[in-house]
Amino acid sequence: MPEKEFNDRQRLFCIEYLKDFNATQAAIRAGYSKKTAQQMGSENLAKPVIQQEISIQVKEMLAKAKIPLEKQIFDYWLKRAMYDVTEIIDLHGNLKITEEHLREKGLHVCIDGIEQRINAKGETYIKYKFADKDKAVEMLQRYIGMIKEEPQINITNNTQMVDLKAIILNQAKSPKDRERIISELEKLTGH
């Protein structure tokens, strides 16, 4: 990347952008004024030199985290599919363990929502919304390749269109094989 096209503030913008993918906040952290941060963030993201740098950095991050990322995805869906709600709350709806202990065990991914409500007597209580175990099992099955996506067929003007990408991806025998196929398709099609 030519230096004259890519200054220090833009380089810092890229670093900051990768922290939370928020262009406005990245611009502020990179030293742009708060008044112009939204505009400068958008302008920076539109510059090919910055897009290229962000793309390079994301690829490097993914390459470094590939195995841990796959394990994290698998563990996430496994926890959501196999949790025991009685480990988290008692029969009265009270948390059995501290929030910190909940995170240590990884069970926090099983709680989709927490609401504070008031009953008819005016007493407050907490309502928990837990992960949909069936959906998590389905996602886990898709991730490990037990469920194959059915190709979509679109018919317009008596012309039948088939989603070849879905058909090809159904041939994948493992997540790594699926990634290899996606990579090859991206090389062939440019996206």
Protein backbone atom coordinates (compact mmCIF):
# COMPACT_ATOMS: atom_id res chain seq x y z
CA MET A 1 0.00 0.00 0.00
CA PRO A 2 1.61 3.29 -1.04
CA GLU A 3 2.49 5.50 1.92
CA LYS A 4 1.35 8.76 0.29
CA GLU A 5 -2.21 7.38 -0.05
CA PHE A 6 -2.38 6.06 3.49
CA ASN A 7 -1.51 8.47 6.32
CA ASP A 8 -1.02 7.75 10.04
CA ARG A 9 -4.51 8.92 11.01
CA GLN A 10 -6.05 6.61 8.40
CA ARG A 11 -3.88 3.72 9.63
CA LEU A 12 -5.08 4.45 13.19
CA PHE A 13 -8.67 4.63 11.90
CA CYS A 14 -8.30 1.09 10.49
CA ILE A 15 -6.96 -0.22 13.80
CA GLU A 16 -9.76 1.45 15.74
CA TYR A 17 -12.42 0.34 13.25
CA LEU A 18 -11.46 -3.31 13.75
CA LYS A 19 -12.19 -3.02 17.48
CA ASP A 20 -15.96 -2.61 17.09
CA PHE A 21 -16.68 -1.99 13.37
CA ASN A 22 -18.18 1.41 14.24
CA ALA A 23 -16.83 3.97 11.75
CA THR A 24 -17.93 7.04 13.73
CA GLN A 25 -16.35 5.86 16.99
CA ALA A 26 -13.23 4.72 15.14
CA ALA A 27 -12.90 8.20 13.60
CA ILE A 28 -13.21 9.84 17.03
CA ARG A 29 -10.62 7.48 18.54
CA ALA A 30 -8.33 8.13 15.55
CA GLY A 31 -8.39 11.87 16.29
CA TYR A 32 -11.06 13.27 13.99
CA SER A 33 -13.37 15.85 15.57
CA LYS A 34 -16.66 14.66 17.04
CA LYS A 35 -18.52 17.03 14.69
CA THR A 36 -17.07 15.46 11.55
CA ALA A 37 -16.50 11.91 12.85
CA GLN A 38 -19.55 10.38 11.17
CA GLN A 39 -18.74 11.95 7.81
CA MET A 40 -15.03 11.13 8.04
CA GLY A 41 -15.77 7.56 9.11
CA SER A 42 -18.01 7.07 6.07
CA GLU A 43 -15.52 8.75 3.74
CA ASN A 44 -12.67 6.63 5.09
CA LEU A 45 -14.63 3.41 4.60
CA ALA A 46 -15.32 4.41 0.98
CA LYS A 47 -11.60 4.78 0.18
CA PRO A 48 -10.19 1.72 -1.62
CA VAL A 49 -6.86 2.01 0.20
CA ILE A 50 -8.64 1.79 3.57
CA GLN A 51 -10.96 -0.98 2.41
CA GLN A 52 -7.91 -2.95 1.31
CA GLU A 53 -6.12 -2.43 4.63
CA ILE A 54 -9.19 -3.44 6.64
CA SER A 55 -9.64 -6.51 4.44
CA ILE A 56 -6.01 -7.52 4.97
CA GLN A 57 -6.29 -7.04 8.73
CA VAL A 58 -9.55 -9.03 8.94
CA LYS A 59 -8.03 -11.90 6.94
CA GLU A 60 -5.01 -11.93 9.26
CA MET A 61 -7.25 -11.90 12.33
CA LEU A 62 -9.33 -14.78 10.97
CA ALA A 63 -6.26 -16.78 9.99
CA LYS A 64 -4.85 -16.43 13.52
CA ALA A 65 -8.19 -17.26 15.15
CA LYS A 66 -9.40 -19.92 12.72
CA ILE A 67 -9.18 -22.97 14.95
CA PRO A 68 -10.23 -21.14 18.12
CA LEU A 69 -13.08 -19.47 16.18
CA GLU A 70 -14.39 -22.81 14.91
CA LYS A 71 -14.22 -24.18 18.44
CA GLN A 72 -15.99 -21.10 19.83
CA ILE A 73 -18.81 -21.46 17.30
CA PHE A 74 -19.18 -25.15 18.05
CA ASP A 75 -19.06 -24.57 21.83
CA TYR A 76 -21.60 -21.73 21.58
CA TRP A 77 -24.21 -23.89 19.81
CA LEU A 78 -23.40 -26.90 21.97
CA LYS A 79 -24.00 -24.90 25.19
CA ARG A 80 -27.26 -23.47 23.82
CA ALA A 81 -28.42 -26.94 22.74
CA MET A 82 -27.48 -28.92 25.85
CA TYR A 83 -27.86 -26.59 28.84
CA ASP A 84 -29.86 -27.60 31.90
CA VAL A 85 -32.04 -24.70 33.06
CA THR A 86 -31.95 -26.09 36.62
CA GLU A 87 -28.23 -25.27 36.71
CA ILE A 88 -29.13 -21.62 36.16
CA ILE A 89 -32.36 -20.92 38.09
CA ASP A 90 -34.27 -22.56 40.92
CA LEU A 91 -37.98 -23.47 40.90
CA HIS A 92 -38.87 -19.92 42.04
CA GLY A 93 -37.07 -18.33 39.08
CA ASN A 94 -34.10 -17.06 41.09
CA LEU A 95 -30.53 -17.34 39.79
CA LYS A 96 -28.76 -20.23 41.47
CA ILE A 97 -25.29 -18.93 40.66
CA THR A 98 -23.68 -15.53 40.43
CA GLU A 99 -23.43 -13.73 37.11
CA GLU A 100 -19.65 -14.18 37.25
CA HIS A 101 -20.00 -17.94 37.78
CA LEU A 102 -22.56 -18.04 34.97
CA ARG A 103 -19.96 -16.55 32.61
CA GLU A 104 -17.19 -18.83 33.89
CA LYS A 105 -19.30 -21.89 33.04
CA GLY A 106 -20.28 -20.35 29.68
CA LEU A 107 -23.96 -20.59 30.54
CA HIS A 108 -24.56 -16.89 29.88
CA VAL A 109 -25.02 -17.78 26.18
CA CYS A 110 -28.17 -19.68 27.18
CA ILE A 111 -29.99 -16.55 28.37
CA ASP A 112 -31.48 -14.53 25.51
CA GLY A 113 -33.23 -11.93 27.62
CA ILE A 114 -33.83 -10.65 31.14
CA GLU A 115 -36.80 -8.44 32.01
CA GLN A 116 -37.80 -6.87 35.28
CA ARG A 117 -41.59 -6.99 35.70
CA ILE A 118 -44.19 -6.08 38.30
CA ASN A 119 -46.89 -8.55 39.32
CA ALA A 120 -50.51 -7.75 40.36
CA LYS A 121 -49.39 -7.18 43.97
CA GLY A 122 -46.88 -4.53 42.86
CA GLU A 123 -43.89 -6.78 43.55
CA THR A 124 -41.02 -6.81 41.11
CA TYR A 125 -39.72 -10.03 39.68
CA ILE A 126 -37.27 -11.07 37.00
CA LYS A 127 -38.34 -12.95 33.86
CA TYR A 128 -35.68 -14.87 31.96
CA LYS A 129 -35.89 -15.86 28.31
CA PHE A 130 -33.74 -18.89 27.61
CA ALA A 131 -32.20 -20.11 24.37
CA ASP A 132 -34.37 -22.16 22.04
CA LYS A 133 -32.79 -25.59 22.40
CA ASP A 134 -34.41 -26.98 19.25
CA LYS A 135 -33.06 -24.11 17.14
CA ALA A 136 -29.62 -24.55 18.71
CA VAL A 137 -29.63 -28.29 17.94
CA GLU A 138 -30.62 -27.50 14.33
CA MET A 139 -27.80 -24.93 14.03
CA LEU A 140 -25.35 -27.42 15.54
CA GLN A 141 -26.48 -30.07 13.04
CA ARG A 142 -26.03 -27.60 10.18
CA TYR A 143 -22.58 -26.63 11.45
CA ILE A 144 -21.31 -30.21 11.62
CA GLY A 145 -22.97 -31.08 8.31
CA MET A 146 -25.77 -33.37 9.47
CA ILE A 147 -28.34 -31.17 7.70
CA LYS A 148 -27.76 -30.15 4.12
CA GLU A 149 -29.26 -26.95 2.74
CA GLU A 150 -31.79 -27.54 -0.02
CA PRO A 151 -30.96 -25.52 -3.12
CA GLN A 152 -33.38 -22.73 -3.92
CA ILE A 153 -35.04 -22.82 -7.31
CA ASN A 154 -36.45 -19.60 -8.73
CA ILE A 155 -38.78 -19.69 -11.70
CA THR A 156 -39.29 -16.48 -13.67
CA ASN A 157 -40.53 -16.07 -17.23
CA ASN A 158 -40.55 -19.86 -17.67
CA THR A 159 -36.81 -19.93 -16.87
CA GLN A 160 -35.66 -22.10 -14.00
CA MET A 161 -32.79 -20.73 -11.88
CA VAL A 162 -30.93 -23.04 -9.51
CA ASP A 163 -28.67 -21.93 -6.67
CA LEU A 164 -25.51 -23.74 -7.74
CA LYS A 165 -23.60 -22.46 -4.73
CA ALA A 166 -26.02 -24.26 -2.38
CA ILE A 167 -25.76 -27.46 -4.43
CA ILE A 168 -21.96 -27.33 -4.38
CA LEU A 169 -21.84 -26.53 -0.66
CA ASN A 170 -24.04 -29.55 0.03
CA GLN A 171 -21.13 -31.65 -1.19
CA ALA A 172 -18.95 -30.48 1.73
CA LYS A 173 -18.14 -33.24 4.16
CA SER A 174 -16.84 -31.03 6.99
CA PRO A 175 -16.69 -27.33 8.00
CA LYS A 176 -13.11 -27.17 6.63
CA ASP A 177 -14.23 -28.67 3.34
CA ARG A 178 -17.09 -26.12 3.23
CA GLU A 179 -14.61 -23.25 3.80
CA ARG A 180 -12.36 -24.58 1.02
CA ILE A 181 -15.31 -24.72 -1.40
CA ILE A 182 -16.43 -21.19 -0.44
CA SER A 183 -12.89 -19.91 -0.96
CA GLU A 184 -12.71 -21.53 -4.40
CA LEU A 185 -16.12 -20.13 -5.37
CA GLU A 186 -15.05 -16.65 -4.27
CA LYS A 187 -11.92 -16.91 -6.45
CA LEU A 188 -14.00 -17.98 -9.44
CA THR A 189 -16.82 -15.47 -9.06
CA GLY A 190 -15.02 -12.56 -7.40
CA HIS A 191 -17.52 -12.53 -4.46
